[in-house]
Amino acid sequence: MKLIPIVAARRIAEDYGYDQIIIYGRRIDGDKVKGGEHITTYGVSQAHCRVAAAMAETLKRFMGWGT
């Protein structure tokens, strides 16, 4: 499992015409060393970046990250 770089989210935004991208990756494994979750966000401007980051924070709370 590797972290998803912001350039991947940027490429999706550019290729498909979106202003905000949120990529949520999850690997389920009985061994916590191999399992995990990751979120990458991208916005075409600072305002769009802030909105994408806020959506990611909502997802993190929903998923119970940091609890």
Protein backbone atom coordinates (compact mmCIF):
# COMPACT_ATOMS: atom_id res chain seq x y z
CA MET A 1 0.00 0.00 0.00
CA LYS A 2 1.46 3.35 -1.07
CA LEU A 3 0.23 6.88 -0.44
CA ILE A 4 -1.64 8.41 -3.39
CA PRO A 5 0.20 11.56 -4.51
CA ILE A 6 -1.54 14.88 -5.10
CA VAL A 7 -0.31 14.79 -8.71
CA ALA A 8 -2.58 11.76 -9.26
CA ALA A 9 -5.59 13.74 -8.02
CA ARG A 10 -4.54 16.71 -10.15
CA ARG A 11 -4.29 14.48 -13.21
CA ILE A 12 -7.83 13.19 -12.61
CA ALA A 13 -9.14 16.76 -12.23
CA GLU A 14 -7.47 17.87 -15.45
CA ASP A 15 -8.37 14.75 -17.45
CA TYR A 16 -12.03 14.74 -16.42
CA GLY A 17 -12.77 18.44 -15.88
CA TYR A 18 -13.35 18.62 -12.12
CA ASP A 19 -12.58 21.46 -9.70
CA GLN A 20 -12.29 19.31 -6.57
CA ILE A 21 -11.04 15.75 -6.20
CA ILE A 22 -11.15 13.53 -3.12
CA ILE A 23 -9.55 10.10 -3.44
CA TYR A 24 -10.25 7.66 -0.64
CA GLY A 25 -8.20 4.47 -0.68
CA ARG A 26 -8.72 1.58 1.68
CA ARG A 27 -7.01 -1.76 2.07
CA ILE A 28 -8.73 -4.32 4.27
CA ASP A 29 -6.45 -6.85 5.89
CA GLY A 30 -6.69 -8.83 9.10
CA ASP A 31 -3.09 -7.83 9.85
CA LYS A 32 -3.19 -4.11 10.76
CA VAL A 33 0.35 -3.72 9.44
CA LYS A 34 -0.88 -4.45 5.90
CA GLY A 35 -4.26 -2.72 6.08
CA GLY A 36 -4.97 0.96 6.12
CA GLU A 37 -6.74 3.99 4.71
CA HIS A 38 -5.60 7.11 2.90
CA ILE A 39 -7.22 10.28 1.56
CA THR A 40 -5.74 12.61 -1.04
CA THR A 41 -7.39 15.88 -2.01
CA TYR A 42 -6.90 18.39 -4.79
CA GLY A 43 -8.51 21.67 -5.79
CA VAL A 44 -7.85 23.83 -8.84
CA SER A 45 -7.62 26.97 -6.65
CA GLN A 46 -7.04 27.76 -2.99
CA ALA A 47 -10.80 28.03 -2.44
CA HIS A 48 -11.40 24.63 -4.06
CA CYS A 49 -8.51 23.14 -2.06
CA ARG A 50 -10.15 24.34 1.17
CA VAL A 51 -13.49 22.78 0.21
CA ALA A 52 -11.89 19.45 -0.78
CA ALA A 53 -9.92 19.41 2.50
CA ALA A 54 -13.10 20.10 4.49
CA MET A 55 -14.87 17.21 2.75
CA ALA A 56 -11.90 14.95 3.55
CA GLU A 57 -12.06 15.97 7.22
CA THR A 58 -15.77 15.06 7.26
CA LEU A 59 -14.95 11.64 5.79
CA LYS A 60 -12.20 11.12 8.38
CA ARG A 61 -14.62 11.87 11.23
CA PHE A 62 -17.24 9.56 9.69
CA MET A 63 -14.65 6.76 9.42
CA GLY A 64 -13.52 7.31 13.02
CA TRP A 65 -9.95 8.37 12.23
CA GLY A 66 -8.07 9.70 15.22
CA THR A 67 -10.51 8.35 17.79
